[in-house]
Amino acid sequence: YADLMRQIEIAETEINEVESNIKSIEGRHRRGDLTLEAYRRLLADYESRREKAETTISGILLRIREEIR
């Protein structure tokens, strides 16, 4: 289980970083430092990374549930 917990921690860290980055690009876009095209591209990339991390966590939790049955 230690390896699974490590993977969850890594995925949680990724989610936290993505959320921070999204806030950053939102602010940069509002200030005009980031074009709409660049903002959308970055946002799509960050959302993809978040989905991948969330899928990783869900998969691990599913494996753990199956093992304890």
N, C-alpha and C. Protein backbone atom coordinates (compact mmCIF):
# COMPACT_ATOMS: atom_id res chain seq x y z
N TYR A 1 0.81 -1.22 0.00
CA TYR A 1 0.00 0.00 0.00
C TYR A 1 0.84 1.28 0.00
N ALA A 2 2.07 1.16 0.44
CA ALA A 2 2.94 2.34 0.51
C ALA A 2 3.13 2.96 -0.88
N ASP A 3 3.33 2.12 -1.89
CA ASP A 3 3.52 2.65 -3.24
C ASP A 3 2.24 3.32 -3.74
N LEU A 4 1.09 2.73 -3.44
CA LEU A 4 -0.18 3.34 -3.85
C LEU A 4 -0.38 4.69 -3.18
N MET A 5 -0.04 4.77 -1.91
CA MET A 5 -0.17 6.04 -1.20
C MET A 5 0.77 7.10 -1.78
N ARG A 6 1.97 6.67 -2.17
CA ARG A 6 2.92 7.59 -2.79
C ARG A 6 2.35 8.11 -4.10
N GLN A 7 1.74 7.23 -4.89
CA GLN A 7 1.14 7.65 -6.15
C GLN A 7 -0.02 8.63 -5.94
N ILE A 8 -0.81 8.39 -4.90
CA ILE A 8 -1.90 9.33 -4.57
C ILE A 8 -1.34 10.68 -4.18
N GLU A 9 -0.29 10.69 -3.38
CA GLU A 9 0.33 11.95 -2.96
C GLU A 9 0.87 12.73 -4.16
N ILE A 10 1.48 12.02 -5.09
CA ILE A 10 2.01 12.67 -6.29
C ILE A 10 0.86 13.27 -7.11
N ALA A 11 -0.22 12.52 -7.26
CA ALA A 11 -1.37 13.01 -8.02
C ALA A 11 -2.01 14.21 -7.32
N GLU A 12 -2.10 14.17 -6.00
CA GLU A 12 -2.66 15.31 -5.25
C GLU A 12 -1.79 16.55 -5.43
N THR A 13 -0.48 16.36 -5.41
CA THR A 13 0.44 17.47 -5.62
C THR A 13 0.24 18.06 -7.01
N GLU A 14 0.07 17.20 -7.99
CA GLU A 14 -0.18 17.66 -9.36
C GLU A 14 -1.46 18.48 -9.43
N ILE A 15 -2.52 18.02 -8.78
CA ILE A 15 -3.79 18.76 -8.77
C ILE A 15 -3.60 20.12 -8.13
N ASN A 16 -2.89 20.19 -7.02
CA ASN A 16 -2.65 21.47 -6.35
C ASN A 16 -1.85 22.42 -7.24
N GLU A 17 -0.83 21.89 -7.91
CA GLU A 17 -0.04 22.73 -8.81
C GLU A 17 -0.88 23.25 -9.97
N VAL A 18 -1.71 22.37 -10.53
CA VAL A 18 -2.56 22.76 -11.65
C VAL A 18 -3.53 23.86 -11.22
N GLU A 19 -4.15 23.71 -10.05
CA GLU A 19 -5.09 24.73 -9.58
C GLU A 19 -4.39 26.07 -9.38
N SER A 20 -3.18 26.04 -8.87
CA SER A 20 -2.41 27.26 -8.69
C SER A 20 -2.07 27.89 -10.04
N ASN A 21 -1.68 27.06 -10.99
CA ASN A 21 -1.34 27.55 -12.32
C ASN A 21 -2.56 28.14 -13.03
N ILE A 22 -3.72 27.53 -12.84
CA ILE A 22 -4.94 28.05 -13.46
C ILE A 22 -5.26 29.43 -12.90
N LYS A 23 -5.14 29.59 -11.59
CA LYS A 23 -5.37 30.91 -10.99
C LYS A 23 -4.40 31.93 -11.56
N SER A 24 -3.16 31.51 -11.74
CA SER A 24 -2.14 32.41 -12.27
C SER A 24 -2.46 32.86 -13.69
N ILE A 25 -2.84 31.91 -14.55
CA ILE A 25 -3.12 32.31 -15.94
C ILE A 25 -4.41 33.12 -16.03
N GLU A 26 -5.36 32.87 -15.12
CA GLU A 26 -6.58 33.69 -15.12
C GLU A 26 -6.22 35.14 -14.82
N GLY A 27 -5.36 35.34 -13.84
CA GLY A 27 -4.93 36.69 -13.49
C GLY A 27 -4.14 37.34 -14.62
N ARG A 28 -3.25 36.59 -15.23
CA ARG A 28 -2.45 37.11 -16.34
C ARG A 28 -3.34 37.49 -17.52
N HIS A 29 -4.36 36.68 -17.77
CA HIS A 29 -5.27 36.98 -18.88
C HIS A 29 -6.09 38.24 -18.58
N ARG A 30 -6.58 38.35 -17.34
CA ARG A 30 -7.36 39.54 -16.96
C ARG A 30 -6.53 40.82 -17.10
N ARG A 31 -5.25 40.74 -16.77
CA ARG A 31 -4.38 41.91 -16.87
C ARG A 31 -3.95 42.21 -18.30
N GLY A 32 -4.21 41.27 -19.21
CA GLY A 32 -3.82 41.46 -20.60
C GLY A 32 -2.43 40.95 -20.91
N ASP A 33 -1.82 40.26 -19.97
CA ASP A 33 -0.48 39.73 -20.18
C ASP A 33 -0.48 38.44 -21.00
N LEU A 34 -1.67 37.87 -21.21
CA LEU A 34 -1.79 36.59 -21.89
C LEU A 34 -2.94 36.70 -22.90
N THR A 35 -2.67 36.35 -24.14
CA THR A 35 -3.72 36.42 -25.16
C THR A 35 -4.79 35.37 -24.87
N LEU A 36 -5.96 35.56 -25.45
CA LEU A 36 -7.05 34.61 -25.28
C LEU A 36 -6.65 33.23 -25.81
N GLU A 37 -5.96 33.21 -26.93
CA GLU A 37 -5.51 31.94 -27.51
C GLU A 37 -4.54 31.21 -26.57
N ALA A 38 -3.58 31.93 -26.05
CA ALA A 38 -2.60 31.32 -25.13
C ALA A 38 -3.29 30.87 -23.85
N TYR A 39 -4.21 31.69 -23.36
CA TYR A 39 -4.96 31.34 -22.15
C TYR A 39 -5.73 30.04 -22.35
N ARG A 40 -6.45 29.94 -23.47
CA ARG A 40 -7.24 28.74 -23.74
C ARG A 40 -6.36 27.51 -23.89
N ARG A 41 -5.21 27.67 -24.56
CA ARG A 41 -4.29 26.55 -24.75
C ARG A 41 -3.74 26.07 -23.40
N LEU A 42 -3.31 27.00 -22.58
CA LEU A 42 -2.79 26.64 -21.26
C LEU A 42 -3.88 26.03 -20.39
N LEU A 43 -5.06 26.61 -20.42
CA LEU A 43 -6.16 26.09 -19.62
C LEU A 43 -6.49 24.66 -20.02
N ALA A 44 -6.54 24.39 -21.32
CA ALA A 44 -6.82 23.03 -21.79
C ALA A 44 -5.74 22.06 -21.31
N ASP A 45 -4.48 22.50 -21.36
CA ASP A 45 -3.38 21.65 -20.90
C ASP A 45 -3.51 21.36 -19.40
N TYR A 46 -3.80 22.39 -18.63
CA TYR A 46 -3.93 22.20 -17.17
C TYR A 46 -5.13 21.32 -16.83
N GLU A 47 -6.23 21.51 -17.54
CA GLU A 47 -7.41 20.69 -17.27
C GLU A 47 -7.13 19.22 -17.61
N SER A 48 -6.37 18.99 -18.66
CA SER A 48 -6.00 17.63 -19.04
C SER A 48 -5.13 17.00 -17.95
N ARG A 49 -4.18 17.77 -17.45
CA ARG A 49 -3.31 17.27 -16.37
C ARG A 49 -4.12 16.96 -15.12
N ARG A 50 -5.09 17.82 -14.80
CA ARG A 50 -5.92 17.60 -13.62
C ARG A 50 -6.76 16.33 -13.79
N GLU A 51 -7.34 16.15 -14.96
CA GLU A 51 -8.15 14.95 -15.22
C GLU A 51 -7.31 13.69 -15.10
N LYS A 52 -6.08 13.74 -15.61
CA LYS A 52 -5.19 12.58 -15.53
C LYS A 52 -4.89 12.25 -14.06
N ALA A 53 -4.60 13.26 -13.26
CA ALA A 53 -4.31 13.04 -11.84
C ALA A 53 -5.54 12.51 -11.11
N GLU A 54 -6.71 13.06 -11.42
CA GLU A 54 -7.94 12.59 -10.78
C GLU A 54 -8.25 11.15 -11.18
N THR A 55 -7.98 10.80 -12.43
CA THR A 55 -8.18 9.43 -12.90
C THR A 55 -7.23 8.48 -12.18
N THR A 56 -6.01 8.92 -11.98
CA THR A 56 -5.02 8.12 -11.25
C THR A 56 -5.52 7.83 -9.85
N ILE A 57 -5.98 8.85 -9.15
CA ILE A 57 -6.48 8.68 -7.79
C ILE A 57 -7.68 7.75 -7.77
N SER A 58 -8.61 7.95 -8.68
CA SER A 58 -9.81 7.10 -8.74
C SER A 58 -9.43 5.64 -8.98
N GLY A 59 -8.49 5.42 -9.89
CA GLY A 59 -8.04 4.06 -10.18
C GLY A 59 -7.40 3.39 -8.98
N ILE A 60 -6.60 4.13 -8.27
CA ILE A 60 -5.94 3.57 -7.07
C ILE A 60 -6.98 3.23 -6.02
N LEU A 61 -7.92 4.14 -5.79
CA LEU A 61 -8.96 3.87 -4.79
C LEU A 61 -9.81 2.67 -5.18
N LEU A 62 -10.08 2.51 -6.45
CA LEU A 62 -10.83 1.35 -6.93
C LEU A 62 -10.06 0.06 -6.66
N ARG A 63 -8.75 0.08 -6.94
CA ARG A 63 -7.92 -1.10 -6.66
C ARG A 63 -7.92 -1.44 -5.17
N ILE A 64 -7.82 -0.43 -4.33
CA ILE A 64 -7.82 -0.67 -2.88
C ILE A 64 -9.15 -1.26 -2.44
N ARG A 65 -10.24 -0.71 -2.95
CA ARG A 65 -11.58 -1.24 -2.60
C ARG A 65 -11.71 -2.70 -3.00
N GLU A 66 -11.22 -3.03 -4.20
CA GLU A 66 -11.30 -4.42 -4.67
C GLU A 66 -10.47 -5.34 -3.80
N GLU A 67 -9.33 -4.88 -3.35
CA GLU A 67 -8.45 -5.71 -2.53
C GLU A 67 -9.01 -5.98 -1.14
N ILE A 68 -9.78 -5.05 -0.60
CA ILE A 68 -10.29 -5.26 0.76
C ILE A 68 -11.58 -6.04 0.78
N ARG A 69 -12.13 -6.38 -0.37
CA ARG A 69 -13.37 -7.17 -0.42
C ARG A 69 -13.09 -8.63 -0.26
